[in-house]
Amino acid sequence: MATKYIVDNLSGQTINGDITINGNLSVTGTTTGSLATYKALLTQLGFQSGTNLSSFNEGLLIGQTYTITNYVSGDDFSNIANVTSGTVNTTGCQFIATGEVPTNWNNGSTLETDGNLVVTVLENNLGYDINWVDDSAGLYFGFNSVTGALYNSFNRNSTFVLTGTYLPIFGPYILDIFSAPVTFNEKDDSVIIAVFDPNTSSFISDNLFYFPVEIQVLQNTDTSPVIISGTTTSFPFNNVSIDLTCGNTLIETIYTPGGVIVNNISEVVSVLNSDSNTNILGVFSEDGSGGIVLTMSTNLQMQLCADSTLTFYVFND
């Protein structure tokens, strides 16, 4: 293999393939990528009801919501609860458990929980939160909390999902945990955790118990602005929507709530810049000749369309 050289002071050089460096390496300028990490514990045990701690696996989950469905005098839950409705130590009180053991629970008061997914975030420097959605069938989807399910939020070539092992408290099960960017959709818009029982060949719900997940995302940190060209349909219209296209491929359609009649480019720009579904893309403006452009950060443009030209089309849907 021929030796590859970097020519001193020559801009725009690209080396394809491996490079071996003998000696010291000094790098100046702006790096284009960084590894950001998200670590969390996911817990979902499904509906539970009982009159003592043994009914709840000897502990109340931090962050889980509990209801006192039948209070018996003498029991005391006041030390464990962040109350969301009602009064502590009364029937009907709802509280979020703080992880402590109740001061007294010997008289048979009944607690109940619906078993919603609880996410305890341990570390997050992604620059956004992850919203987790449970479809009640053992599948858990994580979305970018800022952009939602936007194309390539978790590109499968730059997102790495690591999971630990855990012992399910209901069983006996032999469980397989699949965790990765979604690969059965055309968009890399979410991270999936799937709990699967190979004995029954089915997904199973309510079997996460402080399940650890670590997501590492190789991010482009270049926020310098780039101008994206757009076109629009004829006026007037009232359901403003955007198609994003990478080369000749439609990659995303984003909708506004609609209902606002637009008669010209200025009014379209106003709608797009004020709506949270579209202003996450950047700042829209008139191009000075009756057209429309979008000023977007380089890293978002690369996320949406790394290998071709990103354009957009505003239309009435």
Protein backbone atom coordinates (compact mmCIF):
# COMPACT_ATOMS: atom_id res chain seq x y z
CA MET A 1 0.00 0.00 0.00
CA ALA A 2 1.35 3.38 -0.95
CA THR A 3 2.33 5.81 1.77
CA LYS A 4 -0.21 8.57 2.37
CA TYR A 5 1.07 12.09 3.02
CA ILE A 6 -0.50 15.22 4.40
CA VAL A 7 0.91 18.14 2.47
CA ASP A 8 1.82 21.02 4.77
CA ASN A 9 -0.31 24.19 4.43
CA LEU A 10 -2.55 22.71 1.74
CA SER A 11 -6.24 23.11 2.64
CA GLY A 12 -9.07 20.69 1.94
CA GLN A 13 -6.99 17.51 2.05
CA THR A 14 -8.75 14.16 2.45
CA ILE A 15 -7.20 10.78 3.18
CA ASN A 16 -9.29 7.69 2.45
CA GLY A 17 -8.37 4.53 4.27
CA ASP A 18 -6.02 3.90 7.18
CA ILE A 19 -3.14 6.14 8.12
CA THR A 20 -0.16 5.21 10.28
CA ILE A 21 1.67 7.97 12.15
CA ASN A 22 5.17 7.41 13.51
CA GLY A 23 5.97 10.18 15.95
CA ASN A 24 3.94 12.90 17.60
CA LEU A 25 0.64 14.18 16.24
CA SER A 26 -0.40 17.78 16.73
CA VAL A 27 -3.95 18.74 15.76
CA THR A 28 -5.20 22.31 15.44
CA GLY A 29 -8.58 23.66 14.43
CA THR A 30 -12.07 22.40 15.31
CA THR A 31 -12.79 18.73 15.88
CA THR A 32 -16.05 17.56 14.31
CA GLY A 33 -17.12 14.79 16.60
CA SER A 34 -17.48 13.93 20.30
CA LEU A 35 -18.89 10.98 22.20
CA ALA A 36 -21.81 11.95 24.43
CA THR A 37 -23.17 9.54 27.03
CA TYR A 38 -26.57 8.89 28.58
CA LYS A 39 -26.93 6.43 31.47
CA ALA A 40 -30.22 5.53 33.12
CA LEU A 41 -32.06 2.86 35.04
CA LEU A 42 -35.43 1.80 33.61
CA THR A 43 -38.00 0.17 35.86
CA GLN A 44 -41.47 -1.15 35.15
CA LEU A 45 -43.14 -3.83 37.22
CA GLY A 46 -46.76 -3.46 36.18
CA PHE A 47 -49.76 -3.21 38.48
CA GLN A 48 -49.05 -4.01 42.14
CA SER A 49 -51.23 -3.98 45.25
CA GLY A 50 -50.53 -5.07 48.79
CA THR A 51 -50.75 -4.47 52.51
CA ASN A 52 -47.06 -4.66 53.41
CA LEU A 53 -43.58 -4.34 51.89
CA SER A 54 -43.37 -8.02 51.02
CA SER A 55 -46.15 -7.42 48.49
CA PHE A 56 -43.83 -4.92 46.76
CA ASN A 57 -40.66 -7.00 46.69
CA GLU A 58 -39.58 -5.49 50.03
CA GLY A 59 -39.33 -1.94 48.74
CA LEU A 60 -41.14 0.96 47.09
CA LEU A 61 -39.48 2.15 43.91
CA ILE A 62 -37.98 5.62 43.90
CA GLY A 63 -39.98 7.76 41.49
CA GLN A 64 -42.97 5.42 41.32
CA THR A 65 -46.46 6.76 42.10
CA TYR A 66 -48.45 4.96 44.80
CA THR A 67 -52.05 5.38 46.02
CA ILE A 68 -53.33 4.61 49.52
CA THR A 69 -56.54 2.83 48.53
CA ASN A 70 -57.45 1.85 52.11
CA TYR A 71 -55.81 3.57 55.06
CA VAL A 72 -55.77 1.82 58.45
CA SER A 73 -55.16 3.99 61.50
CA GLY A 74 -51.65 3.77 62.95
CA ASP A 75 -49.76 3.24 59.71
CA ASP A 76 -47.45 6.13 58.78
CA PHE A 77 -46.21 6.82 55.25
CA SER A 78 -45.38 10.49 55.79
CA ASN A 79 -41.60 9.98 55.73
CA ILE A 80 -41.49 8.33 52.29
CA ALA A 81 -43.81 10.46 50.24
CA ASN A 82 -43.79 13.42 47.88
CA VAL A 83 -47.55 13.94 47.83
CA THR A 84 -49.16 14.69 44.45
CA SER A 85 -52.81 14.67 45.60
CA GLY A 86 -54.72 14.26 48.83
CA THR A 87 -53.12 14.23 52.36
CA VAL A 88 -50.58 11.64 53.61
CA ASN A 89 -52.00 8.85 55.83
CA THR A 90 -55.50 9.13 54.34
CA THR A 91 -57.39 6.96 51.88
CA GLY A 92 -57.02 8.33 48.33
CA CYS A 93 -53.66 9.98 48.88
CA GLN A 94 -51.26 9.68 45.94
CA PHE A 95 -47.53 10.08 46.44
CA ILE A 96 -44.23 9.53 44.68
CA ALA A 97 -41.96 7.25 46.68
CA THR A 98 -38.61 8.64 47.80
CA GLY A 99 -37.06 5.27 48.54
CA GLU A 100 -37.38 5.23 52.32
CA VAL A 101 -39.08 2.48 54.33
CA PRO A 102 -42.40 3.63 55.84
CA THR A 103 -42.19 4.64 59.51
CA ASN A 104 -44.90 2.12 60.26
CA TRP A 105 -46.79 -0.30 58.02
CA ASN A 106 -47.98 -3.00 60.39
CA ASN A 107 -51.74 -2.38 60.43
CA GLY A 108 -52.70 -3.44 56.90
CA SER A 109 -53.14 -0.24 54.92
CA THR A 110 -53.36 -0.99 51.19
CA LEU A 111 -51.05 0.62 48.64
CA GLU A 112 -51.51 0.31 44.90
CA THR A 113 -49.44 1.30 41.86
CA ASP A 114 -50.24 1.17 38.17
CA GLY A 115 -46.67 0.27 37.23
CA ASN A 116 -45.80 3.11 34.87
CA LEU A 117 -42.28 3.22 33.50
CA VAL A 118 -39.86 4.94 35.88
CA VAL A 119 -36.61 6.34 34.46
CA THR A 120 -33.79 7.26 36.82
CA VAL A 121 -31.15 9.24 34.91
CA LEU A 122 -27.62 8.77 36.24
CA GLU A 123 -25.65 10.71 33.63
CA ASN A 124 -26.58 12.75 30.58
CA ASN A 125 -24.41 15.05 28.51
CA LEU A 126 -26.24 14.56 25.21
CA GLY A 127 -27.50 18.13 25.28
CA TYR A 128 -31.14 16.93 25.47
CA ASP A 129 -33.20 14.50 27.50
CA ILE A 130 -34.55 11.20 26.24
CA ASN A 131 -38.31 10.66 26.43
CA TRP A 132 -39.16 7.00 26.94
CA VAL A 133 -42.42 5.55 25.63
CA ASP A 134 -43.74 2.13 26.64
CA ASP A 135 -46.09 0.40 24.23
CA SER A 136 -47.22 -2.04 26.96
CA ALA A 137 -45.84 -5.05 25.13
CA GLY A 138 -42.25 -5.18 26.36
CA LEU A 139 -41.01 -2.57 23.88
CA TYR A 140 -39.54 0.70 25.08
CA PHE A 141 -38.69 3.54 22.70
CA GLY A 142 -36.45 6.48 23.55
CA PHE A 143 -36.83 9.76 21.60
CA ASN A 144 -34.88 12.99 21.50
CA SER A 145 -36.90 15.26 23.82
CA VAL A 146 -36.14 18.39 21.77
CA THR A 147 -36.73 17.21 18.21
CA GLY A 148 -38.99 14.25 18.87
CA ALA A 149 -38.79 11.41 16.36
CA LEU A 150 -36.63 13.33 13.91
CA TYR A 151 -34.75 11.49 11.19
CA ASN A 152 -31.32 10.24 12.31
CA SER A 153 -31.58 11.46 15.90
CA PHE A 154 -29.92 8.14 16.75
CA ASN A 155 -28.06 7.22 13.60
CA ARG A 156 -27.26 3.52 13.78
CA ASN A 157 -23.75 4.18 12.48
CA SER A 158 -22.94 6.57 15.32
CA THR A 159 -25.14 5.41 18.21
CA PHE A 160 -24.03 2.64 20.54
CA VAL A 161 -26.44 1.15 23.07
CA LEU A 162 -24.97 -0.84 25.94
CA THR A 163 -27.06 -2.69 28.50
CA GLY A 164 -26.19 -4.53 31.67
CA THR A 165 -27.67 -7.74 32.98
CA TYR A 166 -30.37 -7.97 35.59
CA LEU A 167 -32.42 -10.61 37.36
CA PRO A 168 -36.14 -10.34 36.66
CA ILE A 169 -38.08 -10.58 39.88
CA PHE A 170 -40.99 -12.35 38.24
CA GLY A 171 -40.24 -15.59 36.56
CA PRO A 172 -38.76 -17.95 35.88
CA TYR A 173 -37.88 -16.40 32.51
CA ILE A 174 -34.93 -16.61 30.20
CA LEU A 175 -34.96 -13.12 28.73
CA ASP A 176 -33.21 -11.64 25.75
CA ILE A 177 -32.78 -7.88 25.76
CA PHE A 178 -32.44 -6.19 22.40
CA SER A 179 -31.22 -2.62 22.61
CA ALA A 180 -30.14 -0.57 19.63
CA PRO A 181 -31.23 2.22 17.34
CA VAL A 182 -34.38 1.07 15.60
CA THR A 183 -33.40 -0.90 12.50
CA PHE A 184 -36.79 -2.08 11.27
CA ASN A 185 -37.92 1.42 10.31
CA GLU A 186 -36.64 3.58 7.49
CA LYS A 187 -35.71 6.29 9.99
CA ASP A 188 -33.13 6.14 12.77
CA ASP A 189 -35.40 8.16 15.00
CA SER A 190 -35.31 6.31 18.31
CA VAL A 191 -33.54 3.84 20.55
CA ILE A 192 -35.36 0.62 21.36
CA ILE A 193 -35.19 -1.75 24.31
CA ALA A 194 -37.11 -4.94 23.69
CA VAL A 195 -37.72 -7.58 26.38
CA PHE A 196 -38.21 -10.94 24.75
CA ASP A 197 -38.95 -14.40 26.14
CA PRO A 198 -37.45 -17.01 23.79
CA ASN A 199 -39.46 -19.76 25.50
CA THR A 200 -42.72 -18.30 24.23
CA SER A 201 -41.31 -16.39 21.25
CA SER A 202 -43.03 -13.24 22.45
CA PHE A 203 -42.25 -9.87 23.94
CA ILE A 204 -43.12 -9.50 27.62
CA SER A 205 -43.97 -6.40 29.60
CA ASP A 206 -43.50 -5.40 33.23
CA ASN A 207 -40.14 -7.12 33.68
CA LEU A 208 -37.71 -4.25 34.07
CA PHE A 209 -36.22 -3.88 37.53
CA TYR A 210 -33.63 -1.10 37.66
CA PHE A 211 -32.54 -2.14 34.20
CA PRO A 212 -29.34 -0.28 33.22
CA VAL A 213 -28.99 1.26 29.79
CA GLU A 214 -26.08 3.29 28.44
CA ILE A 215 -26.35 5.17 25.15
CA GLN A 216 -23.30 6.64 23.51
CA VAL A 217 -23.75 9.00 20.58
CA LEU A 218 -20.93 10.20 18.37
CA GLN A 219 -21.95 13.80 17.82
CA ASN A 220 -20.91 16.44 15.35
CA THR A 221 -20.38 19.58 17.46
CA ASP A 222 -20.07 22.07 14.61
CA THR A 223 -22.81 24.67 15.14
CA SER A 224 -21.70 27.07 12.42
CA PRO A 225 -24.69 28.14 10.26
CA VAL A 226 -25.41 26.84 6.77
CA ILE A 227 -28.08 28.07 4.37
CA ILE A 228 -30.63 25.54 3.12
CA SER A 229 -32.67 26.43 0.05
CA GLY A 230 -36.41 25.92 -0.06
CA THR A 231 -39.40 26.21 -2.34
CA THR A 232 -43.11 26.57 -1.68
CA THR A 233 -46.44 25.85 -3.27
CA SER A 234 -48.83 28.54 -4.53
CA PHE A 235 -50.82 30.70 -2.10
CA PRO A 236 -53.05 30.87 -0.18
CA PHE A 237 -53.06 27.80 2.06
CA ASN A 238 -53.62 27.11 5.75
CA ASN A 239 -51.94 23.83 6.75
CA VAL A 240 -48.25 24.67 6.60
CA SER A 241 -46.06 21.58 6.27
CA ILE A 242 -42.45 20.87 5.27
CA ASP A 243 -40.86 18.06 3.30
CA LEU A 244 -37.12 17.64 3.93
CA THR A 245 -35.25 16.03 1.05
CA CYS A 246 -31.71 14.65 0.96
CA GLY A 247 -30.71 14.53 -2.69
CA ASN A 248 -33.72 12.91 -4.33
CA THR A 249 -34.88 11.10 -1.19
CA LEU A 250 -37.68 12.35 1.07
CA ILE A 251 -36.40 11.92 4.62
CA GLU A 252 -38.88 13.77 6.83
CA THR A 253 -42.24 15.51 6.76
CA ILE A 254 -42.94 17.99 9.56
CA TYR A 255 -46.38 19.47 10.19
CA THR A 256 -47.60 22.57 12.01
CA PRO A 257 -50.99 22.46 13.75
CA GLY A 258 -52.49 24.34 10.80
CA GLY A 259 -55.47 26.64 10.74
CA VAL A 260 -53.51 29.82 9.95
CA ILE A 261 -54.10 31.11 6.42
CA VAL A 262 -50.88 32.25 4.70
CA ASN A 263 -50.97 34.47 1.64
CA ASN A 264 -47.27 35.12 0.97
CA ILE A 265 -43.69 34.17 1.87
CA SER A 266 -43.57 36.59 4.82
CA GLU A 267 -46.54 34.91 6.45
CA VAL A 268 -45.09 31.45 5.80
CA VAL A 269 -41.83 32.51 7.44
CA SER A 270 -43.73 33.81 10.46
CA VAL A 271 -45.59 30.52 10.93
CA LEU A 272 -42.47 28.37 10.53
CA ASN A 273 -40.43 30.45 12.98
CA SER A 274 -43.16 30.50 15.63
CA ASP A 275 -44.16 26.83 15.58
CA SER A 276 -42.24 24.43 17.81
CA ASN A 277 -42.54 21.60 15.28
CA THR A 278 -40.57 23.53 12.66
CA ASN A 279 -38.41 26.09 14.47
CA ILE A 280 -36.22 23.31 15.85
CA LEU A 281 -34.72 23.20 12.35
CA GLY A 282 -33.35 26.74 12.58
CA VAL A 283 -34.42 30.19 11.40
CA PHE A 284 -36.50 30.67 8.27
CA SER A 285 -36.24 33.87 6.22
CA GLU A 286 -37.01 35.36 2.82
CA ASP A 287 -34.19 35.10 0.30
CA GLY A 288 -34.80 38.59 -1.15
CA SER A 289 -36.25 37.39 -4.44
CA GLY A 290 -39.59 35.98 -3.36
CA GLY A 291 -38.18 32.66 -2.15
CA ILE A 292 -37.47 31.09 1.24
CA VAL A 293 -34.30 29.81 2.94
CA LEU A 294 -33.47 28.13 6.24
CA THR A 295 -30.40 28.90 8.35
CA MET A 296 -29.50 25.63 10.10
CA SER A 297 -26.57 24.52 12.25
CA THR A 298 -24.00 22.39 10.42
CA ASN A 299 -24.34 19.50 12.86
CA LEU A 300 -28.10 19.25 12.33
CA GLN A 301 -27.68 19.48 8.57
CA MET A 302 -25.12 16.65 8.70
CA GLN A 303 -27.45 14.62 10.89
CA LEU A 304 -30.29 14.95 8.41
CA CYS A 305 -28.29 14.66 5.19
CA ALA A 306 -24.58 13.90 5.38
CA ASP A 307 -23.88 12.68 1.85
CA SER A 308 -25.96 14.89 -0.42
CA THR A 309 -27.76 18.25 -0.63
CA LEU A 310 -30.49 19.02 1.90
CA THR A 311 -33.47 21.01 0.57
CA PHE A 312 -37.01 21.65 1.76
CA TYR A 313 -40.45 22.23 0.29
CA VAL A 314 -43.24 24.12 2.08
CA PHE A 315 -46.73 23.02 1.12
CA ASN A 316 -50.37 22.85 2.16
CA ASP A 317 -51.28 19.51 3.70
